[in-house]
Amino acid sequence: MPDRPLVPDWLANPDVVLVRDVATAVIRLDGVENLDSFTLPYPAEAQRALDAMVLACLRTAARPPSGLPELIRWCRTRPLGSWPLDRIPERLFAAEDRLIDAESGEPTQLCHELAVNGVGDSTGRQYDRLVIHEAMRACRDASSPESYTAFRRLLVTRPVLTEAEWSELSNDLFLDPVWFLIEEIYAPAPAGCRKDGAYLCCGRCLTLLTPLVEGGWWCERDQCRYRGAAPHGRLLEAAEVGELRQLRRPLRQFVTGPGRAEVDLERELRKLGLTVEMWPGYDAYDLRITFPDSHVWAVDVKDWAHPGFLGRAAEAVRPDPPYDEACWVVPRFRVLIRRDYLDVFAQKRPAHAAGLRLLTDDQLIEAARARLCGERGPGARIAPPATPENGADHA
């Protein structure tokens, strides 16, 4: 049997590589200066992306961007499907997918997922995995699974910390094994989030909102924007709260965002009378759900903008702590925004993960209700029947 290719064909597509190069340039530029103002010479990565885009346009006889500022305007005003690239696989991007949010001028979550550091993986995913793995190591060394759970809950429920809250956390004995990490992953809040001397947090996801030039506030989380204007949460006067800190973007994106869905699921499942353990076995998976008859579900929650990248990352849920069925879950709004989300995930899922189902959060709740009512058919299951072909037999 031939080895599985290191990079799937669709990721090796020249136009997909080009889009990822542009996304990487956008993220790098966002890290050093405002995306609307540039000075020569451009950063090398940005210049390479511009040169490649010009060549691609010449190949298709399309008008190329006149320079980097125009390419950045493309990222903000033109959906990826309208770019003059004819080799991108059909349906890879949704109709309105952009690299820069048209309203705020901030890189989109999709842009962060596309940006790469080396072959095939996003810079954000590499950073968040490094942090989580280091937290696991530190908590294992301290023989303190409670410390790991406290660390994960901190990242989900407190992405913004005032100076007083920071001082309070420093005295939390559960967080002592990972304090060295906390000092690294919380960075000073950017001045661009301050308006009239104050910061405003989102009332839904708790992250800092970005003030818009024309008035109003913008939330970086896709789900918040889908649900409408972000509700106003904590108003933090800079003169009163001292140094304000927030989690770095990759952790807000890949840990805090899905974590909100995780704790929402925890709450809804507990309402049904189920026993729910969060991040068991040092985060072997996200939720361990035990039914009254001792049947156990294992659930990993994901919140990715692009179903293809999520499918590419698919892998069987780790078998310990043991369970009877397992699946991945994605927030329902992802499927409402992109109707082919579940299908694309399944298409891009590697063969070794063929038995892994992706459900929406409301589908999981409905399956749990059905099982509690005594049903045992497909509607009360989260995993397909185990067969040698689909690899669903985890044990």
Protein backbone atom coordinates (compact mmCIF):
# COMPACT_ATOMS: atom_id res chain seq x y z
CA MET A 1 0.00 0.00 0.00
CA PRO A 2 1.60 3.36 -1.04
CA ASP A 3 2.41 5.91 1.64
CA ARG A 4 -0.12 8.68 2.15
CA PRO A 5 1.11 11.90 0.40
CA LEU A 6 2.55 14.49 2.75
CA VAL A 7 0.66 17.30 1.04
CA PRO A 8 -2.82 16.67 -0.47
CA ASP A 9 -3.21 17.46 -4.17
CA TRP A 10 -5.48 20.45 -3.57
CA LEU A 11 -2.92 22.06 -1.26
CA ALA A 12 -0.20 21.59 -3.87
CA ASN A 13 -2.34 23.34 -6.50
CA PRO A 14 -0.27 26.34 -7.73
CA ASP A 15 -3.11 28.84 -7.31
CA VAL A 16 -3.91 27.58 -3.81
CA VAL A 17 -0.22 27.94 -2.93
CA LEU A 18 -0.37 31.50 -4.26
CA VAL A 19 -3.45 32.38 -2.18
CA ARG A 20 -1.71 30.99 0.90
CA ASP A 21 1.36 33.09 0.11
CA VAL A 22 -0.80 36.20 -0.09
CA ALA A 23 -2.52 35.27 3.18
CA THR A 24 0.86 34.77 4.83
CA ALA A 25 1.99 38.21 3.61
CA VAL A 26 -1.20 39.80 4.99
CA ILE A 27 -0.61 38.26 8.42
CA ARG A 28 3.04 39.34 8.47
CA LEU A 29 2.11 42.89 7.45
CA ASP A 30 -0.65 43.04 10.04
CA GLY A 31 1.93 42.19 12.67
CA VAL A 32 4.17 45.15 11.88
CA GLU A 33 1.95 47.96 10.62
CA ASN A 34 -1.51 49.04 9.54
CA LEU A 35 -2.53 47.23 6.38
CA ASP A 36 -3.62 50.49 4.71
CA SER A 37 -0.24 52.22 4.88
CA PHE A 38 3.00 50.92 3.42
CA THR A 39 6.50 52.24 2.91
CA LEU A 40 9.19 50.92 0.61
CA PRO A 41 10.86 48.52 0.61
CA TYR A 42 8.06 46.05 1.20
CA PRO A 43 8.77 43.02 3.40
CA ALA A 44 10.29 40.20 1.33
CA GLU A 45 7.32 37.85 1.81
CA ALA A 46 4.89 40.52 0.67
CA GLN A 47 6.98 41.35 -2.38
CA ARG A 48 7.21 37.67 -3.35
CA ALA A 49 3.43 37.28 -3.05
CA LEU A 50 2.87 40.39 -5.19
CA ASP A 51 5.33 39.20 -7.85
CA ALA A 52 3.66 35.78 -7.99
CA MET A 53 0.20 37.34 -8.31
CA VAL A 54 1.38 39.58 -11.16
CA LEU A 55 2.77 36.54 -13.00
CA ALA A 56 -0.47 34.61 -12.46
CA CYS A 57 -2.48 37.50 -13.89
CA LEU A 58 -0.21 37.76 -16.93
CA ARG A 59 -0.68 34.02 -17.51
CA THR A 60 -4.47 34.46 -17.65
CA ALA A 61 -4.34 37.79 -19.54
CA ALA A 62 -5.96 39.55 -16.55
CA ARG A 63 -5.06 43.01 -15.25
CA PRO A 64 -2.60 42.53 -12.37
CA PRO A 65 -2.58 44.62 -9.18
CA SER A 66 -0.53 47.78 -9.69
CA GLY A 67 1.32 47.24 -6.41
CA LEU A 68 1.02 45.91 -2.91
CA PRO A 69 -1.60 48.47 -1.79
CA GLU A 70 -3.91 47.33 -4.60
CA LEU A 71 -3.30 43.67 -3.79
CA ILE A 72 -4.29 44.42 -0.19
CA ARG A 73 -7.44 46.15 -1.51
CA TRP A 74 -8.20 42.96 -3.44
CA CYS A 75 -7.94 41.02 -0.19
CA ARG A 76 -10.49 43.36 1.41
CA THR A 77 -12.92 44.08 -1.42
CA ARG A 78 -12.78 41.03 -3.70
CA PRO A 79 -13.97 37.53 -2.71
CA LEU A 80 -11.36 34.90 -3.52
CA GLY A 81 -13.64 33.43 -6.16
CA SER A 82 -13.36 36.65 -8.21
CA TRP A 83 -9.54 36.63 -8.34
CA PRO A 84 -8.11 35.87 -11.81
CA LEU A 85 -6.93 32.39 -10.82
CA ASP A 86 -8.30 29.58 -12.97
CA ARG A 87 -6.69 26.55 -11.32
CA ILE A 88 -8.33 26.74 -7.88
CA PRO A 89 -10.48 23.62 -7.34
CA GLU A 90 -14.19 24.20 -7.70
CA ARG A 91 -16.05 24.97 -4.45
CA LEU A 92 -12.81 25.27 -2.47
CA PHE A 93 -13.82 28.76 -1.32
CA ALA A 94 -17.29 30.04 -0.51
CA ALA A 95 -18.82 32.92 -2.47
CA GLU A 96 -17.93 35.65 0.04
CA ASP A 97 -14.61 34.32 1.37
CA ARG A 98 -12.09 37.16 1.75
CA LEU A 99 -8.64 37.47 3.29
CA ILE A 100 -9.39 40.82 4.96
CA ASP A 101 -12.67 41.73 6.59
CA ALA A 102 -14.36 44.43 4.51
CA GLU A 103 -15.78 46.21 7.54
CA SER A 104 -12.86 46.32 9.96
CA GLY A 105 -9.78 45.91 7.77
CA GLU A 106 -8.60 43.01 9.97
CA PRO A 107 -7.37 39.69 8.57
CA THR A 108 -10.20 37.15 8.55
CA GLN A 109 -10.12 33.83 10.36
CA LEU A 110 -9.81 32.18 6.95
CA CYS A 111 -6.71 34.30 6.30
CA HIS A 112 -5.16 33.07 9.54
CA GLU A 113 -5.96 29.47 8.61
CA LEU A 114 -4.41 29.90 5.16
CA ALA A 115 -1.21 31.60 6.36
CA VAL A 116 1.64 29.13 6.48
CA ASN A 117 4.97 28.58 8.17
CA GLY A 118 6.70 25.87 6.20
CA VAL A 119 4.80 23.14 4.34
CA GLY A 120 1.14 22.70 4.94
CA ASP A 121 0.40 24.06 8.41
CA SER A 122 -0.77 27.47 9.53
CA THR A 123 1.41 29.61 11.76
CA GLY A 124 -1.47 29.99 14.21
CA ARG A 125 -2.06 26.25 14.47
CA GLN A 126 1.64 25.65 15.12
CA TYR A 127 1.70 28.27 17.89
CA ASP A 128 -1.45 27.08 19.63
CA ARG A 129 -0.35 23.45 19.55
CA LEU A 130 3.04 24.37 20.98
CA VAL A 131 1.42 26.22 23.88
CA ILE A 132 -1.09 23.45 24.62
CA HIS A 133 1.55 20.71 24.47
CA GLU A 134 3.83 22.68 26.77
CA ALA A 135 0.96 23.16 29.23
CA MET A 136 0.28 19.40 29.18
CA ARG A 137 3.94 18.65 29.83
CA ALA A 138 4.14 21.09 32.75
CA CYS A 139 0.95 19.78 34.36
CA ARG A 140 1.98 16.15 33.93
CA ASP A 141 5.35 16.94 35.50
CA ALA A 142 3.45 18.46 38.43
CA SER A 143 1.04 15.46 38.53
CA SER A 144 -1.80 17.96 38.43
CA PRO A 145 -4.57 17.34 35.88
CA GLU A 146 -6.56 19.97 37.79
CA SER A 147 -3.97 22.53 36.76
CA TYR A 148 -4.42 21.68 33.10
CA THR A 149 -8.21 21.94 33.37
CA ALA A 150 -7.85 25.31 35.13
CA PHE A 151 -5.48 26.49 32.39
CA ARG A 152 -7.87 25.51 29.58
CA ARG A 153 -10.85 27.10 31.32
CA LEU A 154 -8.82 30.29 31.84
CA LEU A 155 -8.14 30.56 28.09
CA VAL A 156 -11.82 30.05 27.30
CA THR A 157 -13.43 32.27 29.93
CA ARG A 158 -10.86 35.03 30.50
CA PRO A 159 -9.22 36.09 27.23
CA VAL A 160 -8.86 39.66 28.61
CA LEU A 161 -7.30 40.48 31.97
CA THR A 162 -7.02 43.76 33.87
CA GLU A 163 -3.97 44.51 36.01
CA ALA A 164 -5.89 43.56 39.18
CA GLU A 165 -7.09 40.29 37.62
CA TRP A 166 -3.55 39.50 36.52
CA SER A 167 -2.31 39.96 40.07
CA GLU A 168 -5.12 37.76 41.39
CA LEU A 169 -4.28 34.97 38.94
CA SER A 170 -0.62 35.01 39.97
CA ASN A 171 -1.73 33.76 43.40
CA ASP A 172 -3.81 30.85 42.02
CA LEU A 173 -2.00 27.68 43.11
CA PHE A 174 -3.68 25.59 40.39
CA LEU A 175 -2.10 27.82 37.74
CA ASP A 176 1.36 27.81 39.30
CA PRO A 177 2.73 24.96 37.07
CA VAL A 178 1.79 26.91 33.91
CA TRP A 179 2.42 30.48 35.08
CA PHE A 180 5.52 30.75 32.88
CA LEU A 181 3.27 30.06 29.88
CA ILE A 182 0.58 32.51 30.99
CA GLU A 183 3.20 35.25 31.10
CA GLU A 184 4.02 34.51 27.45
CA ILE A 185 0.57 34.04 25.96
CA TYR A 186 -1.08 37.18 27.35
CA ALA A 187 0.16 40.28 25.52
CA PRO A 188 -0.56 44.01 26.11
CA ALA A 189 -3.86 45.05 24.52
CA PRO A 190 -3.29 46.95 21.25
CA ALA A 191 -3.96 50.68 21.21
CA GLY A 192 -6.15 50.16 18.14
CA CYS A 193 -8.79 48.54 20.36
CA ARG A 194 -9.08 51.65 22.52
CA LYS A 195 -11.69 54.34 21.85
CA ASP A 196 -12.13 57.51 23.91
CA GLY A 197 -9.75 56.14 26.51
CA ALA A 198 -11.59 52.84 27.01
CA TYR A 199 -11.68 49.24 25.80
CA LEU A 200 -14.88 47.30 25.20
CA CYS A 201 -15.26 43.52 25.44
CA CYS A 202 -17.71 41.44 23.45
CA GLY A 203 -20.61 40.31 25.59
CA ARG A 204 -20.68 36.92 23.83
CA CYS A 205 -17.09 35.75 23.34
CA LEU A 206 -15.44 38.10 25.90
CA THR A 207 -12.62 39.21 23.56
CA LEU A 208 -11.79 42.86 22.87
CA LEU A 209 -13.87 44.57 20.22
CA THR A 210 -12.30 46.77 17.55
CA PRO A 211 -13.75 50.28 17.09
CA LEU A 212 -14.75 51.11 13.50
CA VAL A 213 -13.91 54.43 11.86
CA GLU A 214 -17.54 55.06 10.89
CA GLY A 215 -18.75 54.14 14.38
CA GLY A 216 -19.72 50.91 16.08
CA TRP A 217 -17.61 47.96 17.08
CA TRP A 218 -16.35 44.83 15.31
CA CYS A 219 -15.83 41.37 16.83
CA GLU A 220 -13.09 39.21 15.38
CA ARG A 221 -15.03 36.00 15.94
CA ASP A 222 -17.00 34.81 12.92
CA GLN A 223 -19.86 33.42 14.99
CA CYS A 224 -20.45 36.74 16.75
CA ARG A 225 -20.66 38.62 13.47
CA TYR A 226 -23.03 36.01 12.05
CA ARG A 227 -25.38 36.58 15.00
CA GLY A 228 -25.44 40.34 14.43
CA ALA A 229 -23.91 43.34 16.17
CA ALA A 230 -21.69 42.29 19.05
CA PRO A 231 -23.38 42.90 22.41
CA HIS A 232 -21.41 45.25 24.64
CA GLY A 233 -19.71 43.52 27.54
CA ARG A 234 -17.20 44.97 29.98
CA LEU A 235 -16.20 48.61 29.42
CA LEU A 236 -12.64 48.99 30.66
CA GLU A 237 -11.36 52.52 31.23
CA ALA A 238 -7.63 52.49 30.49
CA ALA A 239 -6.89 54.93 33.32
CA GLU A 240 -8.62 52.65 35.82
CA VAL A 241 -7.67 49.08 34.82
CA GLY A 242 -3.92 49.63 34.45
CA GLU A 243 -2.09 47.43 31.95
CA LEU A 244 -4.67 45.43 30.02
CA ARG A 245 -3.67 42.04 28.62
CA GLN A 246 -5.32 39.74 26.10
CA LEU A 247 -4.54 36.30 24.73
CA ARG A 248 -2.51 36.21 21.55
CA ARG A 249 -4.56 35.82 18.38
CA PRO A 250 -3.81 32.13 17.58
CA LEU A 251 -5.05 31.10 21.02
CA ARG A 252 -8.14 33.30 20.78
CA GLN A 253 -8.85 31.73 17.40
CA PHE A 254 -8.10 28.06 18.01
CA VAL A 255 -8.67 27.72 21.78
CA THR A 256 -10.97 30.48 23.04
CA GLY A 257 -13.32 30.33 20.04
CA PRO A 258 -13.92 26.55 20.06
CA GLY A 259 -13.79 26.67 23.85
CA ARG A 260 -16.88 28.86 23.95
CA ALA A 261 -18.69 26.16 21.99
CA GLU A 262 -17.28 23.52 24.35
CA VAL A 263 -18.58 25.19 27.52
CA ASP A 264 -21.92 25.89 25.81
CA LEU A 265 -22.22 22.17 25.02
CA GLU A 266 -21.19 21.31 28.57
CA ARG A 267 -24.00 23.49 29.92
CA GLU A 268 -26.67 22.08 27.57
CA LEU A 269 -25.67 18.45 28.18
CA ARG A 270 -25.69 18.93 31.95
CA LYS A 271 -29.22 20.33 31.62
CA LEU A 272 -30.19 16.95 30.15
CA GLY A 273 -28.86 15.27 33.28
CA LEU A 274 -25.70 13.89 31.67
CA THR A 275 -22.31 13.67 33.36
CA VAL A 276 -19.74 15.77 31.46
CA GLU A 277 -16.00 15.85 32.07
CA MET A 278 -14.06 18.63 30.34
CA TRP A 279 -10.67 18.04 28.69
CA PRO A 280 -10.15 14.59 30.28
CA GLY A 281 -6.80 12.85 30.30
CA TYR A 282 -4.87 16.08 29.82
CA ASP A 283 -7.02 17.09 26.86
CA ALA A 284 -7.18 13.74 25.09
CA TYR A 285 -10.43 15.22 23.75
CA ASP A 286 -12.77 18.03 24.78
CA LEU A 287 -15.88 16.46 26.38
CA ARG A 288 -16.39 13.03 27.92
CA ILE A 289 -20.15 12.46 28.17
CA THR A 290 -21.49 9.62 30.31
CA PHE A 291 -25.08 8.37 30.01
CA PRO A 292 -27.03 6.78 32.87
CA ASP A 293 -26.32 3.30 31.44
CA SER A 294 -22.54 4.10 31.50
CA HIS A 295 -22.36 4.46 27.70
CA VAL A 296 -19.67 7.07 26.95
CA TRP A 297 -19.29 9.58 24.13
CA ALA A 298 -16.04 11.40 23.36
CA VAL A 299 -16.31 14.72 21.55
CA ASP A 300 -13.75 17.10 20.07
CA VAL A 301 -15.09 20.57 19.20
CA LYS A 302 -13.61 22.44 16.21
CA ASP A 303 -14.36 25.92 14.87
CA TRP A 304 -12.55 26.41 11.57
CA ALA A 305 -13.65 28.74 8.80
CA HIS A 306 -12.56 26.42 6.00
CA PRO A 307 -13.94 22.85 5.97
CA GLY A 308 -11.16 21.65 3.68
CA PHE A 309 -8.45 22.51 6.18
CA LEU A 310 -10.50 20.96 8.95
CA GLY A 311 -10.98 17.81 6.87
CA ARG A 312 -7.26 17.65 6.17
CA ALA A 313 -6.61 17.75 9.93
CA ALA A 314 -9.08 14.94 10.67
CA GLU A 315 -7.82 12.11 12.83
CA ALA A 316 -9.39 9.56 15.12
CA VAL A 317 -10.22 10.76 18.62
CA ARG A 318 -7.61 9.44 21.04
CA PRO A 319 -8.78 6.22 22.74
CA ASP A 320 -7.85 7.04 26.33
CA PRO A 321 -9.84 7.79 28.49
CA PRO A 322 -11.93 5.03 26.90
CA TYR A 323 -15.30 5.63 25.26
CA ASP A 324 -17.94 3.82 23.22
CA GLU A 325 -18.45 6.39 20.45
CA ALA A 326 -16.61 9.51 19.30
CA CYS A 327 -17.03 12.37 16.85
CA TRP A 328 -15.95 15.91 16.04
CA VAL A 329 -18.41 18.78 16.43
CA VAL A 330 -18.56 22.15 14.67
CA PRO A 331 -20.80 25.12 15.58
CA ARG A 332 -24.05 25.06 13.59
CA PHE A 333 -23.50 28.53 12.17
CA ARG A 334 -20.58 27.24 10.06
CA VAL A 335 -23.00 25.00 8.16
CA LEU A 336 -25.58 27.77 7.88
CA ILE A 337 -22.96 30.06 6.32
CA ARG A 338 -21.61 27.35 4.05
CA ARG A 339 -24.13 24.64 3.23
CA ASP A 340 -21.53 22.25 1.82
CA TYR A 341 -19.36 22.44 4.97
CA LEU A 342 -19.97 18.85 6.12
CA ASP A 343 -19.62 17.48 2.58
CA VAL A 344 -16.31 19.29 1.95
CA PHE A 345 -14.98 18.07 5.30
CA ALA A 346 -15.83 14.49 4.31
CA GLN A 347 -14.24 14.91 0.86
CA LYS A 348 -10.94 16.27 2.26
CA ARG A 349 -10.81 13.88 5.21
CA PRO A 350 -7.89 11.42 4.81
CA ALA A 351 -8.58 7.72 4.41
CA HIS A 352 -7.23 6.85 7.85
CA ALA A 353 -9.97 9.06 9.40
CA ALA A 354 -12.83 7.79 7.24
CA GLY A 355 -14.76 6.67 10.32
CA LEU A 356 -14.73 10.11 11.93
CA ARG A 357 -18.09 11.92 11.74
CA LEU A 358 -18.46 15.69 11.91
CA LEU A 359 -21.70 16.84 13.53
CA THR A 360 -23.04 20.29 14.34
CA ASP A 361 -23.51 21.13 18.01
CA ASP A 362 -27.31 21.00 17.72
CA GLN A 363 -27.09 17.57 16.03
CA LEU A 364 -25.08 16.31 18.99
CA ILE A 365 -27.66 17.60 21.47
CA GLU A 366 -30.50 15.99 19.49
CA ALA A 367 -28.63 12.67 19.39
CA ALA A 368 -28.12 12.85 23.16
CA ARG A 369 -31.84 13.53 23.70
CA ALA A 370 -32.75 10.60 21.45
CA ARG A 371 -30.48 8.22 23.33
CA LEU A 372 -31.84 9.37 26.68
CA CYS A 373 -35.34 8.61 25.36
CA GLY A 374 -34.31 5.00 24.69
CA GLU A 375 -33.55 5.16 20.98
CA ARG A 376 -30.58 3.11 19.74
CA GLY A 377 -30.75 3.72 15.98
CA PRO A 378 -28.63 6.03 13.80
CA GLY A 379 -30.35 9.13 15.21
CA ALA A 380 -29.07 8.29 18.68
CA ARG A 381 -25.48 7.61 17.61
CA ILE A 382 -22.54 9.94 16.97
CA ALA A 383 -20.33 7.40 15.22
CA PRO A 384 -21.03 5.07 12.28
CA PRO A 385 -21.02 1.33 12.91
CA ALA A 386 -17.45 0.07 13.08
CA THR A 387 -16.16 -1.62 9.92
CA PRO A 388 -12.63 -2.44 8.71
CA GLU A 389 -13.22 -0.08 5.78
CA ASN A 390 -14.15 3.07 7.72
CA GLY A 391 -11.77 2.58 10.63
CA ALA A 392 -14.46 3.51 13.14
CA ASP A 393 -13.48 0.72 15.50
CA HIS A 394 -11.25 2.80 17.76
CA ALA A 395 -10.72 0.17 20.41
